[in-house]
């Protein structure tokens, strides 16, 4: 297998990790960050020859580093936050804990893409310094580092990612056609563009954790389980969709108004409402030679719920 194909596989798996961590943090599922630390410990040891160990140096939620290679004198913090405030907090904690006596370099790994920071260096003038250019790595930067490795090492990295980040495939192969048909049906509605007193701004944490507190566990599990199966398919459909702005707007408005009506009919129970929406959409889609994938429809609805196009919050105080 050639270098380009191997690197495409590496990029695919790391990008999947990036997207998954972002979505799960959006649902306030923070345990994924703990797993990410262990993942990067083993992955960087394999790819870059480090001997990183998991470290608990400062109390939870305030610790300066997650991983340390005492022999190579390299310390690493893994985070899904790219804001400069987070990096400064890590640097300050590193210095105040006198970790510069044990490590010569502090690296912050962002599970995502880093920002363009105005500063180039933190510290200096007798204080441990850290480069915001060379010592802050994001997923694209890690992929670039992997691309400079030997063909054999890249293959080992690809195999490791496959084992650690295996992306489950749907039981049926028609998930893409199901999603295309679903979006096609919903986007041709003749509903108006008025949403009344419904809010359009996304608030997944407030909705799932607060508004639907009694069903938060169910909604979170549904999203996690279905994202593994259908996340790639929906991303592919979205990437190649040629829907214009007007049709996208119609789809959003239709889902917001319709789902709010159904939620009201079932007395605010999101689980029952999701079941009902799924069944109604299946009927609207008609028939298919191989049958439509109900799981793909449910995942689409859960994804739209997070975007607040399903069961939108309201502007009034009784939202």
C-alpha atoms as a PDB file:
ATOM      1  CA  UNK A   1       0.000   0.000   0.000  1.00  0.00           C
ATOM      2  CA  UNK A   2       1.503   3.373  -0.983  1.00  0.00           C
ATOM      3  CA  UNK A   3       2.234   6.355   1.236  1.00  0.00           C
ATOM      4  CA  UNK A   4      -0.675   8.466  -0.003  1.00  0.00           C
ATOM      5  CA  UNK A   5      -3.262   5.794   0.751  1.00  0.00           C
ATOM      6  CA  UNK A   6      -1.798   5.141   4.195  1.00  0.00           C
ATOM      7  CA  UNK A   7      -1.799   8.849   5.015  1.00  0.00           C
ATOM      8  CA  UNK A   8      -5.398   9.144   3.845  1.00  0.00           C
ATOM      9  CA  UNK A   9      -6.315   6.384   6.286  1.00  0.00           C
ATOM     10  CA  UNK A  10      -4.376   8.054   9.111  1.00  0.00           C
ATOM     11  CA  UNK A  11      -6.067  11.375   8.361  1.00  0.00           C
ATOM     12  CA  UNK A  12      -9.481   9.720   8.243  1.00  0.00           C
ATOM     13  CA  UNK A  13      -9.148   8.115  11.669  1.00  0.00           C
ATOM     14  CA  UNK A  14      -7.645  11.147  13.399  1.00  0.00           C
ATOM     15  CA  UNK A  15     -10.287  13.430  11.899  1.00  0.00           C
ATOM     16  CA  UNK A  16     -12.961  11.006  13.121  1.00  0.00           C
ATOM     17  CA  UNK A  17     -11.467  11.262  16.624  1.00  0.00           C
ATOM     18  CA  UNK A  18     -11.489  15.055  16.394  1.00  0.00           C
ATOM     19  CA  UNK A  19     -15.146  15.184  15.357  1.00  0.00           C
ATOM     20  CA  UNK A  20     -16.222  12.624  17.966  1.00  0.00           C
ATOM     21  CA  UNK A  21     -14.500  14.468  20.802  1.00  0.00           C
ATOM     22  CA  UNK A  22     -16.077  17.739  19.695  1.00  0.00           C
ATOM     23  CA  UNK A  23     -19.574  16.277  19.564  1.00  0.00           C
ATOM     24  CA  UNK A  24     -19.282  14.425  22.859  1.00  0.00           C
ATOM     25  CA  UNK A  25     -17.915  17.469  24.668  1.00  0.00           C
ATOM     26  CA  UNK A  26     -20.874  19.373  23.250  1.00  0.00           C
ATOM     27  CA  UNK A  27     -23.095  16.869  25.042  1.00  0.00           C
ATOM     28  CA  UNK A  28     -21.043  17.330  28.227  1.00  0.00           C
ATOM     29  CA  UNK A  29     -19.639  13.785  28.036  1.00  0.00           C
ATOM     30  CA  UNK A  30     -16.197  14.570  29.430  1.00  0.00           C
ATOM     31  CA  UNK A  31     -14.998  10.989  29.917  1.00  0.00           C
ATOM     32  CA  UNK A  32     -13.882  10.989  26.280  1.00  0.00           C
ATOM     33  CA  UNK A  33     -11.056  13.352  27.276  1.00  0.00           C
ATOM     34  CA  UNK A  34      -9.626  10.770  29.691  1.00  0.00           C
ATOM     35  CA  UNK A  35      -9.619   8.132  26.967  1.00  0.00           C
ATOM     36  CA  UNK A  36      -8.000  10.621  24.576  1.00  0.00           C
ATOM     37  CA  UNK A  37      -5.052  11.113  26.964  1.00  0.00           C
ATOM     38  CA  UNK A  38      -4.375   7.374  27.037  1.00  0.00           C
ATOM     39  CA  UNK A  39      -4.812   7.167  23.274  1.00  0.00           C
ATOM     40  CA  UNK A  40      -2.248   9.909  22.605  1.00  0.00           C
ATOM     41  CA  UNK A  41       0.167   8.401  25.118  1.00  0.00           C
ATOM     42  CA  UNK A  42       0.291   5.134  23.202  1.00  0.00           C
ATOM     43  CA  UNK A  43       0.042   6.696  19.746  1.00  0.00           C
ATOM     44  CA  UNK A  44       2.887   9.178  20.235  1.00  0.00           C
ATOM     45  CA  UNK A  45       5.073   6.521  21.826  1.00  0.00           C
ATOM     46  CA  UNK A  46       4.597   4.436  18.691  1.00  0.00           C
ATOM     47  CA  UNK A  47       4.815   7.208  16.112  1.00  0.00           C
ATOM     48  CA  UNK A  48       7.506   9.475  17.567  1.00  0.00           C
ATOM     49  CA  UNK A  49       9.447   7.092  19.777  1.00  0.00           C
ATOM     50  CA  UNK A  50       8.514   8.768  23.061  1.00  0.00           C
ATOM     51  CA  UNK A  51       8.218   6.907  26.373  1.00  0.00           C
ATOM     52  CA  UNK A  52       5.274   8.874  27.719  1.00  0.00           C
ATOM     53  CA  UNK A  53       3.506   7.880  30.912  1.00  0.00           C
ATOM     54  CA  UNK A  54       0.154   9.040  32.255  1.00  0.00           C
ATOM     55  CA  UNK A  55       0.713  11.484  35.099  1.00  0.00           C
ATOM     56  CA  UNK A  56      -1.455  12.945  37.836  1.00  0.00           C
ATOM     57  CA  UNK A  57       0.651  15.809  39.122  1.00  0.00           C
ATOM     58  CA  UNK A  58      -1.903  18.371  40.234  1.00  0.00           C
ATOM     59  CA  UNK A  59      -5.449  17.751  41.448  1.00  0.00           C
ATOM     60  CA  UNK A  60      -8.057  16.814  38.878  1.00  0.00           C
ATOM     61  CA  UNK A  61      -9.256  19.684  36.637  1.00  0.00           C
ATOM     62  CA  UNK A  62      -6.227  21.808  37.599  1.00  0.00           C
ATOM     63  CA  UNK A  63      -3.292  19.617  36.692  1.00  0.00           C
ATOM     64  CA  UNK A  64      -0.597  21.047  34.470  1.00  0.00           C
ATOM     65  CA  UNK A  65       0.218  18.005  32.342  1.00  0.00           C
ATOM     66  CA  UNK A  66      -1.332  14.685  31.395  1.00  0.00           C
ATOM     67  CA  UNK A  67       1.669  12.847  29.968  1.00  0.00           C
ATOM     68  CA  UNK A  68       5.386  12.907  30.699  1.00  0.00           C
ATOM     69  CA  UNK A  69       8.535  11.392  29.227  1.00  0.00           C
ATOM     70  CA  UNK A  70      11.132  11.765  31.984  1.00  0.00           C
ATOM     71  CA  UNK A  71      13.977  10.399  29.845  1.00  0.00           C
ATOM     72  CA  UNK A  72      13.197  12.647  26.893  1.00  0.00           C
ATOM     73  CA  UNK A  73      12.211  15.475  29.288  1.00  0.00           C
ATOM     74  CA  UNK A  74       8.991  16.151  27.369  1.00  0.00           C
ATOM     75  CA  UNK A  75       5.645  16.986  29.013  1.00  0.00           C
ATOM     76  CA  UNK A  76       2.288  16.974  27.213  1.00  0.00           C
ATOM     77  CA  UNK A  77      -1.158  18.347  27.975  1.00  0.00           C
ATOM     78  CA  UNK A  78      -4.078  16.974  25.910  1.00  0.00           C
ATOM     79  CA  UNK A  79      -7.113  19.209  25.495  1.00  0.00           C
ATOM     80  CA  UNK A  80     -10.071  19.793  23.196  1.00  0.00           C
ATOM     81  CA  UNK A  81      -9.909  23.547  23.884  1.00  0.00           C
ATOM     82  CA  UNK A  82      -7.923  25.790  21.546  1.00  0.00           C
ATOM     83  CA  UNK A  83      -8.347  29.107  23.381  1.00  0.00           C
ATOM     84  CA  UNK A  84      -5.157  30.912  24.412  1.00  0.00           C
ATOM     85  CA  UNK A  85      -6.487  31.120  27.986  1.00  0.00           C
ATOM     86  CA  UNK A  86      -6.314  27.321  28.273  1.00  0.00           C
ATOM     87  CA  UNK A  87      -2.734  27.223  27.001  1.00  0.00           C
ATOM     88  CA  UNK A  88      -1.694  30.014  29.367  1.00  0.00           C
ATOM     89  CA  UNK A  89      -3.356  28.168  32.244  1.00  0.00           C
ATOM     90  CA  UNK A  90      -1.382  25.045  31.379  1.00  0.00           C
ATOM     91  CA  UNK A  91       1.872  26.997  31.114  1.00  0.00           C
ATOM     92  CA  UNK A  92       1.266  28.807  34.413  1.00  0.00           C
ATOM     93  CA  UNK A  93       0.483  25.547  36.185  1.00  0.00           C
ATOM     94  CA  UNK A  94       3.584  23.944  34.710  1.00  0.00           C
ATOM     95  CA  UNK A  95       5.790  26.771  35.950  1.00  0.00           C
ATOM     96  CA  UNK A  96       4.170  27.157  39.378  1.00  0.00           C
ATOM     97  CA  UNK A  97       4.548  23.409  39.968  1.00  0.00           C
ATOM     98  CA  UNK A  98       8.247  23.687  39.054  1.00  0.00           C
ATOM     99  CA  UNK A  99       7.843  21.028  36.408  1.00  0.00           C
ATOM    100  CA  UNK A 100      10.506  22.775  34.351  1.00  0.00           C
ATOM    101  CA  UNK A 101      12.970  21.072  36.709  1.00  0.00           C
ATOM    102  CA  UNK A 102      11.841  17.712  35.287  1.00  0.00           C
ATOM    103  CA  UNK A 103      11.012  18.612  31.684  1.00  0.00           C
ATOM    104  CA  UNK A 104      12.666  20.791  29.053  1.00  0.00           C
ATOM    105  CA  UNK A 105       9.682  21.023  26.738  1.00  0.00           C
ATOM    106  CA  UNK A 106       5.928  21.497  27.243  1.00  0.00           C
ATOM    107  CA  UNK A 107       3.632  20.519  24.365  1.00  0.00           C
ATOM    108  CA  UNK A 108      -0.111  21.167  24.234  1.00  0.00           C
ATOM    109  CA  UNK A 109      -2.056  18.823  21.947  1.00  0.00           C
ATOM    110  CA  UNK A 110      -5.395  20.188  20.778  1.00  0.00           C
ATOM    111  CA  UNK A 111      -7.873  17.584  19.582  1.00  0.00           C
ATOM    112  CA  UNK A 112      -9.036  19.836  16.799  1.00  0.00           C
ATOM    113  CA  UNK A 113      -7.452  22.819  15.065  1.00  0.00           C
ATOM    114  CA  UNK A 114      -5.450  25.483  16.864  1.00  0.00           C
ATOM    115  CA  UNK A 115      -6.098  29.183  16.493  1.00  0.00           C
ATOM    116  CA  UNK A 116      -3.780  31.846  15.133  1.00  0.00           C
ATOM    117  CA  UNK A 117      -2.389  33.252  18.357  1.00  0.00           C
ATOM    118  CA  UNK A 118      -1.096  36.820  18.478  1.00  0.00           C
ATOM    119  CA  UNK A 119       1.693  35.837  20.850  1.00  0.00           C
ATOM    120  CA  UNK A 120       4.530  33.644  19.658  1.00  0.00           C
ATOM    121  CA  UNK A 121       6.020  32.665  23.024  1.00  0.00           C
ATOM    122  CA  UNK A 122       4.822  32.247  26.600  1.00  0.00           C
ATOM    123  CA  UNK A 123       7.368  32.883  29.330  1.00  0.00           C
ATOM    124  CA  UNK A 124      10.918  34.077  28.745  1.00  0.00           C
ATOM    125  CA  UNK A 125      13.191  36.428  30.731  1.00  0.00           C
ATOM    126  CA  UNK A 126      14.123  33.781  33.249  1.00  0.00           C
ATOM    127  CA  UNK A 127      10.729  32.016  33.084  1.00  0.00           C
ATOM    128  CA  UNK A 128      10.275  28.680  31.294  1.00  0.00           C
ATOM    129  CA  UNK A 129       9.376  29.488  27.680  1.00  0.00           C
ATOM    130  CA  UNK A 130       6.964  27.708  25.385  1.00  0.00           C
ATOM    131  CA  UNK A 131       6.491  28.346  21.662  1.00  0.00           C
ATOM    132  CA  UNK A 132       2.894  28.826  20.536  1.00  0.00           C
ATOM    133  CA  UNK A 133       4.044  27.861  17.032  1.00  0.00           C
ATOM    134  CA  UNK A 134       6.154  24.755  17.617  1.00  0.00           C
ATOM    135  CA  UNK A 135       4.788  23.506  20.946  1.00  0.00           C
ATOM    136  CA  UNK A 136       1.049  23.659  20.228  1.00  0.00           C
ATOM    137  CA  UNK A 137      -0.015  20.739  18.045  1.00  0.00           C
ATOM    138  CA  UNK A 138      -3.418  20.176  16.497  1.00  0.00           C
ATOM    139  CA  UNK A 139      -4.702  17.246  14.454  1.00  0.00           C
ATOM    140  CA  UNK A 140      -3.453  18.665  11.104  1.00  0.00           C
ATOM    141  CA  UNK A 141      -0.006  19.198  12.652  1.00  0.00           C
ATOM    142  CA  UNK A 142       0.120  15.627  13.955  1.00  0.00           C
ATOM    143  CA  UNK A 143      -0.852  14.340  10.509  1.00  0.00           C
ATOM    144  CA  UNK A 144       2.012  16.367   9.010  1.00  0.00           C
ATOM    145  CA  UNK A 145       4.441  14.825  11.460  1.00  0.00           C
ATOM    146  CA  UNK A 146       3.213  11.346  10.586  1.00  0.00           C
ATOM    147  CA  UNK A 147       3.677  12.085   6.873  1.00  0.00           C
ATOM    148  CA  UNK A 148       7.437  12.481   7.400  1.00  0.00           C
ATOM    149  CA  UNK A 149       7.835   9.020   8.902  1.00  0.00           C
ATOM    150  CA  UNK A 150       9.018   5.932   7.068  1.00  0.00           C
ATOM    151  CA  UNK A 151       6.470   3.949   5.077  1.00  0.00           C
ATOM    152  CA  UNK A 152       6.677   1.086   7.594  1.00  0.00           C
ATOM    153  CA  UNK A 153       6.105   3.401  10.551  1.00  0.00           C
ATOM    154  CA  UNK A 154       3.115   5.040   8.846  1.00  0.00           C
ATOM    155  CA  UNK A 155       1.655   1.606   8.270  1.00  0.00           C
ATOM    156  CA  UNK A 156       2.109   0.767  11.957  1.00  0.00           C
ATOM    157  CA  UNK A 157       0.371   4.034  12.854  1.00  0.00           C
ATOM    158  CA  UNK A 158      -2.500   3.228  10.513  1.00  0.00           C
ATOM    159  CA  UNK A 159      -2.888  -0.231  12.034  1.00  0.00           C
ATOM    160  CA  UNK A 160      -2.846   1.228  15.550  1.00  0.00           C
ATOM    161  CA  UNK A 161      -5.549   3.753  14.618  1.00  0.00           C
ATOM    162  CA  UNK A 162      -7.631   1.025  13.038  1.00  0.00           C
ATOM    163  CA  UNK A 163      -7.500  -1.029  16.242  1.00  0.00           C
ATOM    164  CA  UNK A 164      -8.095   1.897  18.594  1.00  0.00           C
ATOM    165  CA  UNK A 165     -10.556   3.949  16.578  1.00  0.00           C
ATOM    166  CA  UNK A 166     -12.408   1.330  14.598  1.00  0.00           C
ATOM    167  CA  UNK A 167     -15.424   2.997  13.050  1.00  0.00           C
ATOM    168  CA  UNK A 168     -18.386   0.693  13.130  1.00  0.00           C
ATOM    169  CA  UNK A 169     -20.094   0.154   9.807  1.00  0.00           C
ATOM    170  CA  UNK A 170     -23.891   0.027   9.494  1.00  0.00           C
ATOM    171  CA  UNK A 171     -25.533  -3.358   9.176  1.00  0.00           C
ATOM    172  CA  UNK A 172     -27.136  -2.133   5.966  1.00  0.00           C
ATOM    173  CA  UNK A 173     -25.346  -0.535   3.038  1.00  0.00           C
ATOM    174  CA  UNK A 174     -28.089   1.894   2.080  1.00  0.00           C
ATOM    175  CA  UNK A 175     -27.559   4.473   4.828  1.00  0.00           C
ATOM    176  CA  UNK A 176     -26.400   7.122   2.340  1.00  0.00           C
ATOM    177  CA  UNK A 177     -29.392   6.670   0.031  1.00  0.00           C
ATOM    178  CA  UNK A 178     -31.670   6.764   3.097  1.00  0.00           C
ATOM    179  CA  UNK A 179     -30.238  10.096   4.240  1.00  0.00           C
ATOM    180  CA  UNK A 180     -30.384  11.560   0.729  1.00  0.00           C
ATOM    181  CA  UNK A 181     -34.038  10.551   0.386  1.00  0.00           C
ATOM    182  CA  UNK A 182     -34.855  11.843   3.880  1.00  0.00           C
ATOM    183  CA  UNK A 183     -33.344  15.275   3.205  1.00  0.00           C
ATOM    184  CA  UNK A 184     -34.981  15.383  -0.211  1.00  0.00           C
ATOM    185  CA  UNK A 185     -38.424  14.739   1.273  1.00  0.00           C
ATOM    186  CA  UNK A 186     -38.083  17.209   4.131  1.00  0.00           C
ATOM    187  CA  UNK A 187     -36.567  20.006   2.051  1.00  0.00           C
ATOM    188  CA  UNK A 188     -39.405  20.232  -0.484  1.00  0.00           C
ATOM    189  CA  UNK A 189     -42.017  21.124   2.110  1.00  0.00           C
ATOM    190  CA  UNK A 190     -44.131  24.164   1.314  1.00  0.00           C
ATOM    191  CA  UNK A 191     -44.199  25.335   4.923  1.00  0.00           C
ATOM    192  CA  UNK A 192     -43.522  29.019   5.535  1.00  0.00           C
ATOM    193  CA  UNK A 193     -40.365  30.478   7.059  1.00  0.00           C
ATOM    194  CA  UNK A 194     -41.882  31.672  10.342  1.00  0.00           C
ATOM    195  CA  UNK A 195     -40.869  29.894  13.531  1.00  0.00           C
ATOM    196  CA  UNK A 196     -42.952  31.983  15.896  1.00  0.00           C
ATOM    197  CA  UNK A 197     -41.595  31.902  19.442  1.00  0.00           C
ATOM    198  CA  UNK A 198     -39.083  29.111  18.804  1.00  0.00           C
ATOM    199  CA  UNK A 199     -35.394  29.796  19.443  1.00  0.00           C
ATOM    200  CA  UNK A 200     -32.893  29.085  16.675  1.00  0.00           C
ATOM    201  CA  UNK A 201     -29.637  29.332  18.628  1.00  0.00           C
ATOM    202  CA  UNK A 202     -28.119  25.914  19.470  1.00  0.00           C
ATOM    203  CA  UNK A 203     -28.012  25.030  23.167  1.00  0.00           C
ATOM    204  CA  UNK A 204     -27.351  21.241  23.265  1.00  0.00           C
ATOM    205  CA  UNK A 205     -26.120  21.179  26.858  1.00  0.00           C
ATOM    206  CA  UNK A 206     -29.033  23.228  28.176  1.00  0.00           C
ATOM    207  CA  UNK A 207     -31.521  21.154  26.226  1.00  0.00           C
ATOM    208  CA  UNK A 208     -30.228  17.640  26.852  1.00  0.00           C
ATOM    209  CA  UNK A 209     -28.962  18.091  30.403  1.00  0.00           C
ATOM    210  CA  UNK A 210     -31.537  20.572  31.726  1.00  0.00           C
ATOM    211  CA  UNK A 211     -34.728  20.600  29.684  1.00  0.00           C
ATOM    212  CA  UNK A 212     -34.723  16.841  29.060  1.00  0.00           C
ATOM    213  CA  UNK A 213     -32.916  15.888  32.264  1.00  0.00           C
ATOM    214  CA  UNK A 214     -35.033  12.775  32.801  1.00  0.00           C
ATOM    215  CA  UNK A 215     -34.099  11.501  29.351  1.00  0.00           C
ATOM    216  CA  UNK A 216     -30.519  12.826  29.098  1.00  0.00           C
ATOM    217  CA  UNK A 217     -28.937   9.400  29.479  1.00  0.00           C
ATOM    218  CA  UNK A 218     -31.083   7.935  26.719  1.00  0.00           C
ATOM    219  CA  UNK A 219     -30.420  10.825  24.304  1.00  0.00           C
ATOM    220  CA  UNK A 220     -26.668  10.756  24.939  1.00  0.00           C
ATOM    221  CA  UNK A 221     -26.441   7.000  24.434  1.00  0.00           C
ATOM    222  CA  UNK A 222     -28.506   7.214  21.264  1.00  0.00           C
ATOM    223  CA  UNK A 223     -26.213   9.855  19.827  1.00  0.00           C
ATOM    224  CA  UNK A 224     -22.972   8.069  20.734  1.00  0.00           C
ATOM    225  CA  UNK A 225     -24.123   4.679  19.439  1.00  0.00           C
ATOM    226  CA  UNK A 226     -25.638   6.002  16.216  1.00  0.00           C
ATOM    227  CA  UNK A 227     -22.812   8.445  15.490  1.00  0.00           C
ATOM    228  CA  UNK A 228     -20.399   5.522  15.250  1.00  0.00           C
ATOM    229  CA  UNK A 229     -22.651   3.915  12.671  1.00  0.00           C
ATOM    230  CA  UNK A 230     -23.912   6.838  10.648  1.00  0.00           C
ATOM    231  CA  UNK A 231     -21.659   9.848  11.339  1.00  0.00           C
ATOM    232  CA  UNK A 232     -19.508   9.283   8.268  1.00  0.00           C
ATOM    233  CA  UNK A 233     -22.511   8.754   6.015  1.00  0.00           C
ATOM    234  CA  UNK A 234     -24.210  11.991   7.103  1.00  0.00           C
ATOM    235  CA  UNK A 235     -20.962  13.956   6.765  1.00  0.00           C
ATOM    236  CA  UNK A 236     -20.587  12.598   3.233  1.00  0.00           C
ATOM    237  CA  UNK A 237     -24.172  13.505   2.328  1.00  0.00           C
ATOM    238  CA  UNK A 238     -23.790  17.022   3.785  1.00  0.00           C
ATOM    239  CA  UNK A 239     -20.515  17.540   1.937  1.00  0.00           C
ATOM    240  CA  UNK A 240     -22.005  16.731  -1.445  1.00  0.00           C
ATOM    241  CA  UNK A 241     -25.500  18.116  -0.926  1.00  0.00           C
ATOM    242  CA  UNK A 242     -26.502  20.776  -3.443  1.00  0.00           C
ATOM    243  CA  UNK A 243     -29.411  22.175  -1.437  1.00  0.00           C
ATOM    244  CA  UNK A 244     -29.766  25.915  -1.811  1.00  0.00           C
ATOM    245  CA  UNK A 245     -30.234  28.337   1.077  1.00  0.00           C
ATOM    246  CA  UNK A 246     -34.020  28.485   0.639  1.00  0.00           C
ATOM    247  CA  UNK A 247     -34.471  24.699   0.746  1.00  0.00           C
ATOM    248  CA  UNK A 248     -32.171  24.395   3.764  1.00  0.00           C
ATOM    249  CA  UNK A 249     -34.208  27.073   5.511  1.00  0.00           C
ATOM    250  CA  UNK A 250     -37.471  25.310   4.668  1.00  0.00           C
ATOM    251  CA  UNK A 251     -36.103  22.047   6.039  1.00  0.00           C
ATOM    252  CA  UNK A 252     -35.040  23.688   9.298  1.00  0.00           C
ATOM    253  CA  UNK A 253     -38.327  25.521   9.793  1.00  0.00           C
ATOM    254  CA  UNK A 254     -40.361  22.447   8.963  1.00  0.00           C
ATOM    255  CA  UNK A 255     -38.457  20.317  11.460  1.00  0.00           C
ATOM    256  CA  UNK A 256     -38.642  22.951  14.193  1.00  0.00           C
ATOM    257  CA  UNK A 257     -42.393  23.551  13.915  1.00  0.00           C
ATOM    258  CA  UNK A 258     -43.366  19.923  13.231  1.00  0.00           C
ATOM    259  CA  UNK A 259     -41.210  18.388  15.965  1.00  0.00           C
ATOM    260  CA  UNK A 260     -42.389  20.972  18.503  1.00  0.00           C
ATOM    261  CA  UNK A 261     -45.992  20.068  17.674  1.00  0.00           C
ATOM    262  CA  UNK A 262     -45.338  16.341  18.093  1.00  0.00           C
ATOM    263  CA  UNK A 263     -43.408  16.907  21.337  1.00  0.00           C
ATOM    264  CA  UNK A 264     -46.401  18.818  22.684  1.00  0.00           C
ATOM    265  CA  UNK A 265     -48.750  16.008  21.633  1.00  0.00           C
ATOM    266  CA  UNK A 266     -46.748  13.451  23.651  1.00  0.00           C
ATOM    267  CA  UNK A 267     -46.554  15.766  26.680  1.00  0.00           C
ATOM    268  CA  UNK A 268     -42.875  16.663  26.345  1.00  0.00           C
ATOM    269  CA  UNK A 269     -41.425  13.155  26.223  1.00  0.00           C
ATOM    270  CA  UNK A 270     -38.490  13.338  23.719  1.00  0.00           C
ATOM    271  CA  UNK A 271     -38.084   9.553  23.518  1.00  0.00           C
ATOM    272  CA  UNK A 272     -41.699   9.012  22.481  1.00  0.00           C
ATOM    273  CA  UNK A 273     -41.549  12.006  20.142  1.00  0.00           C
ATOM    274  CA  UNK A 274     -38.400  10.692  18.422  1.00  0.00           C
ATOM    275  CA  UNK A 275     -40.045   7.310  17.882  1.00  0.00           C
ATOM    276  CA  UNK A 276     -43.103   8.986  16.396  1.00  0.00           C
ATOM    277  CA  UNK A 277     -41.062  11.304  14.163  1.00  0.00           C
ATOM    278  CA  UNK A 278     -39.024   8.372  12.862  1.00  0.00           C
ATOM    279  CA  UNK A 279     -42.145   6.385  11.956  1.00  0.00           C
ATOM    280  CA  UNK A 280     -43.819   9.364  10.282  1.00  0.00           C
ATOM    281  CA  UNK A 281     -40.727  10.183   8.207  1.00  0.00           C
ATOM    282  CA  UNK A 282     -40.392   6.558   7.120  1.00  0.00           C
ATOM    283  CA  UNK A 283     -43.944   6.723   5.769  1.00  0.00           C
ATOM    284  CA  UNK A 284     -43.231  10.041   4.022  1.00  0.00           C
ATOM    285  CA  UNK A 285     -40.186   8.576   2.269  1.00  0.00           C
ATOM    286  CA  UNK A 286     -42.231   5.934   0.473  1.00  0.00           C
ATOM    287  CA  UNK A 287     -40.698   2.625  -0.567  1.00  0.00           C
ATOM    288  CA  UNK A 288     -37.250   1.469  -1.662  1.00  0.00           C
ATOM    289  CA  UNK A 289     -36.114  -1.689  -3.392  1.00  0.00           C
ATOM    290  CA  UNK A 290     -33.753  -2.511  -0.499  1.00  0.00           C
ATOM    291  CA  UNK A 291     -35.671  -0.772   2.269  1.00  0.00           C
ATOM    292  CA  UNK A 292     -34.702   2.404   4.096  1.00  0.00           C
ATOM    293  CA  UNK A 293     -32.403   2.317   7.113  1.00  0.00           C
ATOM    294  CA  UNK A 294     -34.426   3.358  10.162  1.00  0.00           C
ATOM    295  CA  UNK A 295     -31.258   3.828  12.223  1.00  0.00           C
ATOM    296  CA  UNK A 296     -29.983   6.435   9.753  1.00  0.00           C
ATOM    297  CA  UNK A 297     -33.234   8.366  10.104  1.00  0.00           C
ATOM    298  CA  UNK A 298     -33.022   8.264  13.896  1.00  0.00           C
ATOM    299  CA  UNK A 299     -29.407   9.459  13.811  1.00  0.00           C
ATOM    300  CA  UNK A 300     -30.346  12.351  11.528  1.00  0.00           C
ATOM    301  CA  UNK A 301     -33.059  13.404  13.980  1.00  0.00           C
ATOM    302  CA  UNK A 302     -30.723  13.170  16.980  1.00  0.00           C
ATOM    303  CA  UNK A 303     -28.148  15.237  15.091  1.00  0.00           C
ATOM    304  CA  UNK A 304     -30.793  17.858  14.312  1.00  0.00           C
ATOM    305  CA  UNK A 305     -31.880  17.800  17.960  1.00  0.00           C
ATOM    306  CA  UNK A 306     -28.368  18.833  18.985  1.00  0.00           C
ATOM    307  CA  UNK A 307     -28.472  21.611  16.386  1.00  0.00           C
ATOM    308  CA  UNK A 308     -31.799  22.672  17.954  1.00  0.00           C
ATOM    309  CA  UNK A 309     -33.778  22.125  14.747  1.00  0.00           C
ATOM    310  CA  UNK A 310     -35.640  19.323  16.545  1.00  0.00           C
ATOM    311  CA  UNK A 311     -37.570  20.162  19.741  1.00  0.00           C
ATOM    312  CA  UNK A 312     -36.310  23.777  19.698  1.00  0.00           C
ATOM    313  CA  UNK A 313     -36.317  25.761  22.910  1.00  0.00           C
ATOM    314  CA  UNK A 314     -38.730  28.656  23.150  1.00  0.00           C
ATOM    315  CA  UNK A 315     -38.216  32.353  23.678  1.00  0.00           C
ATOM    316  CA  UNK A 316     -40.859  32.595  26.365  1.00  0.00           C
ATOM    317  CA  UNK A 317     -40.154  31.866  30.017  1.00  0.00           C
ATOM    318  CA  UNK A 318     -41.920  28.495  29.813  1.00  0.00           C
ATOM    319  CA  UNK A 319     -39.351  27.103  27.306  1.00  0.00           C
END
